[in-house]
Amino acid sequence: MASAIAALNAKIRSQPVLNYICSTHFWGPVSNFGIPVAAVMDTKKDPEIISGKMTAALVVYSAVFMRYSLAVTPKNYLLFGCHFVNEGAQLAQAYRYINWWHYGGREKALAERATAEGAKAREASAPVS
């Protein structure tokens, strides 16, 4: 049985594409793509729930691993792409966080919400003709 597994492994490793697909250079970034996918999906959510500390940590994390992906031999462009997407998404989240908490985005949203609720209340209390 062990010799059959060894033979199968040798056959897989002799083909460059299969060898790459069976390596951590492929599966590491593929499994890591959950982070940027989640970050991109989170850009549709309310900025109130963004954690500034976690966003900052993920910005640094992705920058470090983008550098690492190009420093290893062979260069891991799939890992670079994964962290490049994550870096962009986290920077967008950081902008949304700063705008919401420090540049008046929250106050503007609250004022718009109050105006909309006031209009609904006036509409509901208006006599029907």
C-alpha atoms as a PDB file:
ATOM      1  CA  MET A   1       0.000   0.000   0.000  1.00  0.00           C
ATOM      2  CA  ALA A   2       2.795   2.398   0.908  1.00  0.00           C
ATOM      3  CA  SER A   3       4.518   1.760  -2.411  1.00  0.00           C
ATOM      4  CA  ALA A   4       1.280   2.553  -4.303  1.00  0.00           C
ATOM      5  CA  ILE A   5       0.987   5.875  -2.441  1.00  0.00           C
ATOM      6  CA  ALA A   6       4.648   6.628  -3.118  1.00  0.00           C
ATOM      7  CA  ALA A   7       4.155   5.860  -6.823  1.00  0.00           C
ATOM      8  CA  LEU A   8       1.067   8.084  -6.989  1.00  0.00           C
ATOM      9  CA  ASN A   9       2.934  10.873  -5.209  1.00  0.00           C
ATOM     10  CA  ALA A  10       5.874  10.552  -7.613  1.00  0.00           C
ATOM     11  CA  LYS A  11       3.489  10.727 -10.600  1.00  0.00           C
ATOM     12  CA  ILE A  12       1.772  13.827  -9.202  1.00  0.00           C
ATOM     13  CA  ARG A  13       5.060  15.538  -8.336  1.00  0.00           C
ATOM     14  CA  SER A  14       6.467  14.884 -11.820  1.00  0.00           C
ATOM     15  CA  GLN A  15       3.770  17.088 -13.410  1.00  0.00           C
ATOM     16  CA  PRO A  16       4.370  20.796 -12.692  1.00  0.00           C
ATOM     17  CA  VAL A  17       0.698  21.862 -12.621  1.00  0.00           C
ATOM     18  CA  LEU A  18      -0.388  19.031 -10.327  1.00  0.00           C
ATOM     19  CA  ASN A  19       2.695  19.551  -8.185  1.00  0.00           C
ATOM     20  CA  TYR A  20       1.704  23.212  -7.740  1.00  0.00           C
ATOM     21  CA  ILE A  21      -1.940  22.393  -6.961  1.00  0.00           C
ATOM     22  CA  CYS A  22      -0.820  19.870  -4.334  1.00  0.00           C
ATOM     23  CA  SER A  23       1.509  22.347  -2.617  1.00  0.00           C
ATOM     24  CA  THR A  24       1.109  24.833   0.216  1.00  0.00           C
ATOM     25  CA  HIS A  25       2.002  27.576  -2.302  1.00  0.00           C
ATOM     26  CA  PHE A  26      -1.468  26.963  -3.740  1.00  0.00           C
ATOM     27  CA  TRP A  27      -3.655  25.852  -0.823  1.00  0.00           C
ATOM     28  CA  GLY A  28      -2.327  28.411   1.680  1.00  0.00           C
ATOM     29  CA  PRO A  29      -3.470  31.430  -0.331  1.00  0.00           C
ATOM     30  CA  VAL A  30      -6.672  29.702  -1.477  1.00  0.00           C
ATOM     31  CA  SER A  31      -7.722  29.029   2.116  1.00  0.00           C
ATOM     32  CA  ASN A  32      -6.558  32.522   3.108  1.00  0.00           C
ATOM     33  CA  PHE A  33      -8.848  34.163   0.518  1.00  0.00           C
ATOM     34  CA  GLY A  34     -11.666  33.986   3.072  1.00  0.00           C
ATOM     35  CA  ILE A  35     -10.227  37.068   4.782  1.00  0.00           C
ATOM     36  CA  PRO A  36     -10.364  39.435   1.770  1.00  0.00           C
ATOM     37  CA  VAL A  37     -13.725  38.024   0.661  1.00  0.00           C
ATOM     38  CA  ALA A  38     -15.150  38.800   4.110  1.00  0.00           C
ATOM     39  CA  ALA A  39     -13.551  42.268   4.062  1.00  0.00           C
ATOM     40  CA  VAL A  40     -15.059  43.074   0.665  1.00  0.00           C
ATOM     41  CA  MET A  41     -18.482  41.823   1.824  1.00  0.00           C
ATOM     42  CA  ASP A  42     -18.188  43.964   4.981  1.00  0.00           C
ATOM     43  CA  THR A  43     -17.917  47.146   2.927  1.00  0.00           C
ATOM     44  CA  LYS A  44     -21.715  46.959   2.511  1.00  0.00           C
ATOM     45  CA  LYS A  45     -22.334  46.876   6.275  1.00  0.00           C
ATOM     46  CA  ASP A  46     -22.862  49.757   8.682  1.00  0.00           C
ATOM     47  CA  PRO A  47     -19.554  51.524   9.515  1.00  0.00           C
ATOM     48  CA  GLU A  48     -20.578  51.554  13.180  1.00  0.00           C
ATOM     49  CA  ILE A  49     -19.464  47.915  13.534  1.00  0.00           C
ATOM     50  CA  ILE A  50     -15.949  48.396  12.099  1.00  0.00           C
ATOM     51  CA  SER A  51     -13.185  47.773  14.620  1.00  0.00           C
ATOM     52  CA  GLY A  52     -10.417  50.324  14.116  1.00  0.00           C
ATOM     53  CA  LYS A  53      -7.821  48.218  15.949  1.00  0.00           C
ATOM     54  CA  MET A  54      -8.617  45.054  13.990  1.00  0.00           C
ATOM     55  CA  THR A  55      -8.610  46.945  10.702  1.00  0.00           C
ATOM     56  CA  ALA A  56      -5.207  48.448  11.510  1.00  0.00           C
ATOM     57  CA  ALA A  57      -3.860  45.008  12.433  1.00  0.00           C
ATOM     58  CA  LEU A  58      -5.121  43.523   9.151  1.00  0.00           C
ATOM     59  CA  VAL A  59      -3.603  46.388   7.132  1.00  0.00           C
ATOM     60  CA  VAL A  60      -0.193  45.679   8.689  1.00  0.00           C
ATOM     61  CA  TYR A  61      -0.671  41.885   8.384  1.00  0.00           C
ATOM     62  CA  SER A  62      -1.446  42.080   4.673  1.00  0.00           C
ATOM     63  CA  ALA A  63       1.427  44.471   3.976  1.00  0.00           C
ATOM     64  CA  VAL A  64       3.868  42.135   5.737  1.00  0.00           C
ATOM     65  CA  PHE A  65       2.633  39.071   3.867  1.00  0.00           C
ATOM     66  CA  MET A  66       2.644  40.855   0.503  1.00  0.00           C
ATOM     67  CA  ARG A  67       6.340  41.485   1.116  1.00  0.00           C
ATOM     68  CA  TYR A  68       6.871  37.904   2.337  1.00  0.00           C
ATOM     69  CA  SER A  69       5.142  36.418  -0.731  1.00  0.00           C
ATOM     70  CA  LEU A  70       7.721  38.086  -2.965  1.00  0.00           C
ATOM     71  CA  ALA A  71      10.686  37.307  -0.693  1.00  0.00           C
ATOM     72  CA  VAL A  72      10.258  33.509  -0.693  1.00  0.00           C
ATOM     73  CA  THR A  73      11.611  31.274  -3.414  1.00  0.00           C
ATOM     74  CA  PRO A  74       9.741  30.653  -5.624  1.00  0.00           C
ATOM     75  CA  LYS A  75       7.747  33.863  -5.478  1.00  0.00           C
ATOM     76  CA  ASN A  76       4.161  33.178  -4.460  1.00  0.00           C
ATOM     77  CA  TYR A  77       2.047  35.460  -6.641  1.00  0.00           C
ATOM     78  CA  LEU A  78      -1.216  33.859  -5.516  1.00  0.00           C
ATOM     79  CA  LEU A  79      -0.416  34.784  -1.902  1.00  0.00           C
ATOM     80  CA  PHE A  80       0.550  38.271  -3.065  1.00  0.00           C
ATOM     81  CA  GLY A  81      -2.772  38.657  -4.874  1.00  0.00           C
ATOM     82  CA  CYS A  82      -4.697  37.470  -1.838  1.00  0.00           C
ATOM     83  CA  HIS A  83      -3.045  40.013   0.438  1.00  0.00           C
ATOM     84  CA  PHE A  84      -3.196  42.749  -2.197  1.00  0.00           C
ATOM     85  CA  VAL A  85      -6.992  42.390  -2.337  1.00  0.00           C
ATOM     86  CA  ASN A  86      -7.149  42.268   1.458  1.00  0.00           C
ATOM     87  CA  GLU A  87      -4.952  45.372   1.769  1.00  0.00           C
ATOM     88  CA  GLY A  88      -7.258  47.313  -0.521  1.00  0.00           C
ATOM     89  CA  ALA A  89     -10.393  46.147   1.296  1.00  0.00           C
ATOM     90  CA  GLN A  90      -8.915  46.903   4.720  1.00  0.00           C
ATOM     91  CA  LEU A  91      -7.784  50.365   3.614  1.00  0.00           C
ATOM     92  CA  ALA A  92     -11.330  51.014   2.384  1.00  0.00           C
ATOM     93  CA  GLN A  93     -12.641  49.871   5.767  1.00  0.00           C
ATOM     94  CA  ALA A  94     -10.105  52.103   7.532  1.00  0.00           C
ATOM     95  CA  TYR A  95     -11.312  55.075   5.483  1.00  0.00           C
ATOM     96  CA  ARG A  96     -14.927  54.278   6.368  1.00  0.00           C
ATOM     97  CA  TYR A  97     -14.014  53.935  10.061  1.00  0.00           C
ATOM     98  CA  ILE A  98     -12.137  57.252  10.165  1.00  0.00           C
ATOM     99  CA  ASN A  99     -14.867  59.038   8.208  1.00  0.00           C
ATOM    100  CA  TRP A 100     -17.591  57.620  10.489  1.00  0.00           C
ATOM    101  CA  TRP A 101     -15.956  58.292  13.860  1.00  0.00           C
ATOM    102  CA  HIS A 102     -13.663  61.281  13.228  1.00  0.00           C
ATOM    103  CA  TYR A 103     -14.929  63.299  10.237  1.00  0.00           C
ATOM    104  CA  GLY A 104     -18.638  63.635  10.977  1.00  0.00           C
ATOM    105  CA  GLY A 105     -20.021  60.673   9.063  1.00  0.00           C
ATOM    106  CA  ARG A 106     -21.906  59.393  12.093  1.00  0.00           C
ATOM    107  CA  GLU A 107     -23.480  62.762  12.885  1.00  0.00           C
ATOM    108  CA  LYS A 108     -24.512  63.231   9.255  1.00  0.00           C
ATOM    109  CA  ALA A 109     -26.141  59.771   9.151  1.00  0.00           C
ATOM    110  CA  LEU A 110     -27.978  60.429  12.419  1.00  0.00           C
ATOM    111  CA  ALA A 111     -29.247  63.788  11.126  1.00  0.00           C
ATOM    112  CA  GLU A 112     -30.444  62.193   7.871  1.00  0.00           C
ATOM    113  CA  ARG A 113     -32.171  59.418   9.827  1.00  0.00           C
ATOM    114  CA  ALA A 114     -33.911  61.977  12.082  1.00  0.00           C
ATOM    115  CA  THR A 115     -35.040  63.990   9.047  1.00  0.00           C
ATOM    116  CA  ALA A 116     -36.432  60.876   7.372  1.00  0.00           C
ATOM    117  CA  GLU A 117     -38.264  59.813  10.538  1.00  0.00           C
ATOM    118  CA  GLY A 118     -39.685  63.334  10.934  1.00  0.00           C
ATOM    119  CA  ALA A 119     -40.974  63.265   7.356  1.00  0.00           C
ATOM    120  CA  LYS A 120     -42.606  59.865   7.983  1.00  0.00           C
ATOM    121  CA  ALA A 121     -44.248  61.169  11.147  1.00  0.00           C
ATOM    122  CA  ARG A 122     -45.613  64.263   9.343  1.00  0.00           C
ATOM    123  CA  GLU A 123     -46.884  62.080   6.520  1.00  0.00           C
ATOM    124  CA  ALA A 124     -48.596  59.684   8.942  1.00  0.00           C
ATOM    125  CA  SER A 125     -50.288  62.533  10.855  1.00  0.00           C
ATOM    126  CA  ALA A 126     -51.466  64.390   7.731  1.00  0.00           C
ATOM    127  CA  PRO A 127     -55.219  64.241   7.192  1.00  0.00           C
ATOM    128  CA  VAL A 128     -56.392  62.020   4.377  1.00  0.00           C
ATOM    129  CA  SER A 129     -58.529  63.873   1.830  1.00  0.00           C
END
